Amino acid sequence: MRLANRGQTIGRVDVSEPASISSGIAERYATAIFAISKESKSLAKLETNLNDLAQALDDSADLRALISSPVVTRDEQGAVMAAIGKKMKLVPEMQNGLGLMAEKRRLFVLPQLVARLRAMIAEDKGEVSAEVTSAKALTKAQADKLAKTLKERVGKDVKINATVDESLIGGLVVKVGSKMIDTSIRSKLNSLQNSMKEVG
């Protein structure tokens, strides 16, 4: 019995570890890019760059595959990111950061880097950044109403960073800092499915 328990402890895998490693890597790059951009007074341009990069990540399955593929070489990743940087007119701090990330095989944290930099810029402006995922694109009226509701809850102006994920079916997933509100139909169906498994 003692050996079985010991084996379970040794065999247990902490699934949060890869996520915390990714967020730690993203945090280091974000801190450096933010500090240099603030010093060179290019935060407004960086914010525009981040919106463009977030849109590109949402729209392009090829880009998402490129940043996470172990098959694509460092040089190939670097060349693609340099071309993207030139086409999007990324600020030098962001271009250099992406080049270094490609060289160090760290591009897989690009979505977390974008989210972290957005949050840092919002904080610098006295705002709070909210990552909002919905099944359909939010209208301006919906985004404004959501921002107003969130402002009442957090006590600060809220900048909405919206993305679309049709797999949610309906509803929203809202993340403000470390807090997450999931009202998606997918989440409700998953909960229902889990409760039915427990009954059966």
Protein backbone atom coordinates (compact mmCIF):
# COMPACT_ATOMS: atom_id res chain seq x y z
CA MET A 1 0.00 0.00 0.00
CA ARG A 2 2.80 2.39 0.87
CA LEU A 3 4.54 1.69 -2.46
CA ALA A 4 1.33 2.34 -4.41
CA ASN A 5 0.85 5.69 -2.69
CA ARG A 6 4.47 6.57 -3.29
CA GLY A 7 4.12 5.68 -6.98
CA GLN A 8 1.05 7.90 -7.31
CA THR A 9 2.91 10.86 -5.88
CA ILE A 10 5.92 10.35 -8.14
CA GLY A 11 3.74 9.72 -11.20
CA ARG A 12 1.56 12.80 -10.71
CA VAL A 13 2.04 15.49 -13.34
CA ASP A 14 1.39 19.13 -12.53
CA VAL A 15 -0.51 20.29 -15.63
CA SER A 16 -0.26 23.94 -14.58
CA GLU A 17 3.53 23.85 -14.91
CA PRO A 18 3.75 24.35 -18.72
CA ALA A 19 1.30 27.27 -18.49
CA SER A 20 3.27 28.91 -15.68
CA ILE A 21 6.54 28.43 -17.60
CA SER A 22 4.97 30.07 -20.69
CA SER A 23 3.61 32.99 -18.69
CA GLY A 24 7.00 33.43 -16.99
CA ILE A 25 8.78 33.56 -20.35
CA ALA A 26 6.17 35.98 -21.77
CA GLU A 27 6.47 38.16 -18.65
CA ARG A 28 10.26 38.55 -19.06
CA TYR A 29 10.05 39.53 -22.74
CA ALA A 30 7.03 41.80 -22.12
CA THR A 31 8.81 43.62 -19.28
CA ALA A 32 11.86 44.32 -21.46
CA ILE A 33 9.87 45.40 -24.54
CA PHE A 34 7.58 47.60 -22.42
CA ALA A 35 10.45 49.31 -20.57
CA ILE A 36 12.39 50.10 -23.76
CA SER A 37 9.23 51.27 -25.58
CA LYS A 38 8.28 53.54 -22.68
CA GLU A 39 11.78 55.00 -22.59
CA SER A 40 11.68 55.68 -26.34
CA LYS A 41 8.12 57.09 -26.05
CA SER A 42 6.68 54.57 -28.51
CA LEU A 43 3.97 52.95 -26.33
CA ALA A 44 1.12 54.29 -28.52
CA LYS A 45 2.70 52.72 -31.63
CA LEU A 46 3.40 49.52 -29.69
CA GLU A 47 -0.27 49.33 -28.68
CA THR A 48 -1.31 49.56 -32.35
CA ASN A 49 1.27 46.87 -33.20
CA LEU A 50 -0.19 44.58 -30.52
CA ASN A 51 -3.70 45.00 -31.92
CA ASP A 52 -2.39 44.11 -35.40
CA LEU A 53 -0.47 41.08 -34.08
CA ALA A 54 -3.50 39.85 -32.10
CA GLN A 55 -5.64 40.15 -35.24
CA ALA A 56 -3.03 38.27 -37.30
CA LEU A 57 -2.91 35.47 -34.70
CA ASP A 58 -6.72 35.26 -34.74
CA ASP A 59 -6.96 35.26 -38.54
CA SER A 60 -4.02 33.08 -39.56
CA ALA A 61 -3.84 29.38 -38.73
CA ASP A 62 -0.49 29.35 -40.58
CA LEU A 63 0.98 31.95 -38.21
CA ARG A 64 -0.28 30.03 -35.16
CA ALA A 65 1.26 26.85 -36.58
CA LEU A 66 4.56 28.60 -37.35
CA ILE A 67 5.09 29.94 -33.83
CA SER A 68 4.40 26.58 -32.19
CA SER A 69 5.95 24.15 -34.69
CA PRO A 70 9.07 22.29 -33.57
CA VAL A 71 9.76 21.43 -37.23
CA VAL A 72 10.24 25.03 -38.44
CA THR A 73 13.86 26.11 -37.89
CA ARG A 74 14.93 29.15 -35.85
CA ASP A 75 16.16 30.83 -39.04
CA GLU A 76 12.85 30.23 -40.84
CA GLN A 77 10.86 31.54 -37.87
CA GLY A 78 13.17 34.56 -37.64
CA ALA A 79 12.83 35.31 -41.37
CA VAL A 80 9.02 35.10 -41.25
CA MET A 81 8.82 37.29 -38.13
CA ALA A 82 11.17 39.85 -39.73
CA ALA A 83 8.92 39.96 -42.83
CA ILE A 84 5.81 40.33 -40.63
CA GLY A 85 7.54 43.05 -38.61
CA LYS A 86 8.42 44.97 -41.77
CA LYS A 87 4.93 44.59 -43.29
CA MET A 88 3.18 45.63 -40.04
CA LYS A 89 5.71 48.42 -39.39
CA LEU A 90 6.39 47.10 -35.89
CA VAL A 91 8.34 49.37 -33.55
CA PRO A 92 12.04 48.36 -33.34
CA GLU A 93 11.61 47.11 -29.75
CA MET A 94 8.92 44.65 -30.86
CA GLN A 95 10.84 43.60 -33.99
CA ASN A 96 13.99 42.95 -31.96
CA GLY A 97 12.00 41.10 -29.29
CA LEU A 98 10.38 38.82 -31.87
CA GLY A 99 13.77 38.19 -33.51
CA LEU A 100 15.27 37.20 -30.16
CA MET A 101 12.26 35.00 -29.37
CA ALA A 102 12.70 33.20 -32.71
CA GLU A 103 16.42 32.74 -32.04
CA LYS A 104 15.71 31.29 -28.57
CA ARG A 105 12.74 29.15 -29.78
CA ARG A 106 10.31 31.15 -27.63
CA LEU A 107 7.76 32.29 -30.24
CA PHE A 108 5.20 29.83 -28.82
CA VAL A 109 4.52 32.41 -26.06
CA LEU A 110 3.57 35.16 -28.54
CA PRO A 111 -0.17 35.15 -27.61
CA GLN A 112 0.71 35.47 -23.89
CA LEU A 113 3.27 38.19 -24.72
CA VAL A 114 0.64 40.21 -26.61
CA ALA A 115 -1.86 39.85 -23.75
CA ARG A 116 0.74 40.79 -21.11
CA LEU A 117 1.97 43.84 -23.03
CA ARG A 118 -1.63 45.01 -23.56
CA ALA A 119 -2.24 44.71 -19.82
CA MET A 120 0.97 46.63 -19.01
CA ILE A 121 0.06 49.46 -21.40
CA ALA A 122 -3.49 49.62 -20.01
CA GLU A 123 -2.11 49.75 -16.46
CA ASP A 124 0.31 52.52 -17.47
CA LYS A 125 -2.68 54.51 -18.79
CA GLY A 126 -4.70 53.88 -15.60
CA GLU A 127 -6.96 51.38 -17.36
CA VAL A 128 -7.66 47.71 -16.88
CA SER A 129 -7.41 45.39 -19.87
CA ALA A 130 -10.15 42.79 -20.38
CA GLU A 131 -9.65 39.85 -22.75
CA VAL A 132 -13.13 39.06 -24.12
CA THR A 133 -13.85 36.02 -26.29
CA SER A 134 -17.27 35.68 -27.90
CA ALA A 135 -18.93 33.34 -30.40
CA LYS A 136 -19.68 36.30 -32.71
CA ALA A 137 -17.96 39.67 -33.04
CA LEU A 138 -19.24 42.20 -30.50
CA THR A 139 -20.97 45.29 -31.85
CA LYS A 140 -19.65 48.66 -30.67
CA ALA A 141 -22.76 49.07 -28.49
CA GLN A 142 -22.19 45.65 -26.86
CA ALA A 143 -18.49 46.36 -26.27
CA ASP A 144 -19.30 49.78 -24.76
CA LYS A 145 -21.98 48.29 -22.48
CA LEU A 146 -19.61 45.52 -21.36
CA ALA A 147 -16.82 48.06 -20.68
CA LYS A 148 -19.24 50.15 -18.60
CA THR A 149 -20.42 47.11 -16.60
CA LEU A 150 -16.83 45.98 -15.97
CA LYS A 151 -15.81 49.53 -14.95
CA GLU A 152 -18.53 49.46 -12.27
CA ARG A 153 -17.10 46.18 -10.94
CA VAL A 154 -13.37 46.99 -11.03
CA GLY A 155 -13.51 50.75 -10.44
CA LYS A 156 -11.28 51.66 -13.40
CA ASP A 157 -11.70 52.32 -17.11
CA VAL A 158 -11.67 49.01 -18.97
CA LYS A 159 -10.14 48.48 -22.41
CA ILE A 160 -11.81 45.58 -24.22
CA ASN A 161 -9.56 43.31 -26.31
CA ALA A 162 -12.11 41.22 -28.20
CA THR A 163 -11.57 37.97 -30.09
CA VAL A 164 -14.00 35.55 -31.73
CA ASP A 165 -14.16 31.80 -31.06
CA GLU A 166 -17.15 30.19 -32.79
CA SER A 167 -16.71 27.01 -30.73
CA LEU A 168 -18.20 28.89 -27.74
CA ILE A 169 -21.59 28.58 -29.54
CA GLY A 170 -22.90 31.62 -27.61
CA GLY A 171 -22.14 33.77 -24.57
CA LEU A 172 -18.81 35.24 -23.48
CA VAL A 173 -15.56 34.42 -21.74
CA VAL A 174 -14.21 37.53 -19.99
CA LYS A 175 -10.80 37.63 -18.34
CA VAL A 176 -9.78 40.65 -16.26
CA GLY A 177 -6.41 40.12 -14.61
CA SER A 178 -6.54 36.73 -12.90
CA LYS A 179 -10.36 36.64 -12.76
CA MET A 180 -12.35 34.83 -15.43
CA ILE A 181 -16.10 34.84 -16.08
CA ASP A 182 -17.28 32.10 -18.45
CA THR A 183 -20.91 32.40 -19.58
CA SER A 184 -20.40 30.52 -22.84
CA ILE A 185 -22.89 27.87 -23.95
CA ARG A 186 -19.94 25.50 -24.53
CA SER A 187 -19.01 25.82 -20.84
CA LYS A 188 -22.61 25.21 -19.75
CA LEU A 189 -22.86 22.15 -22.02
CA ASN A 190 -19.59 20.80 -20.60
CA SER A 191 -20.90 21.29 -17.04
CA LEU A 192 -24.15 19.55 -17.96
CA GLN A 193 -22.24 16.69 -19.59
CA ASN A 194 -20.06 16.29 -16.48
CA SER A 195 -23.06 16.28 -14.14
CA MET A 196 -24.79 13.67 -16.35
CA LYS A 197 -21.68 11.46 -16.15
CA GLU A 198 -21.80 11.68 -12.35
CA VAL A 199 -25.50 10.66 -12.34
CA GLY A 200 -24.97 7.80 -14.83
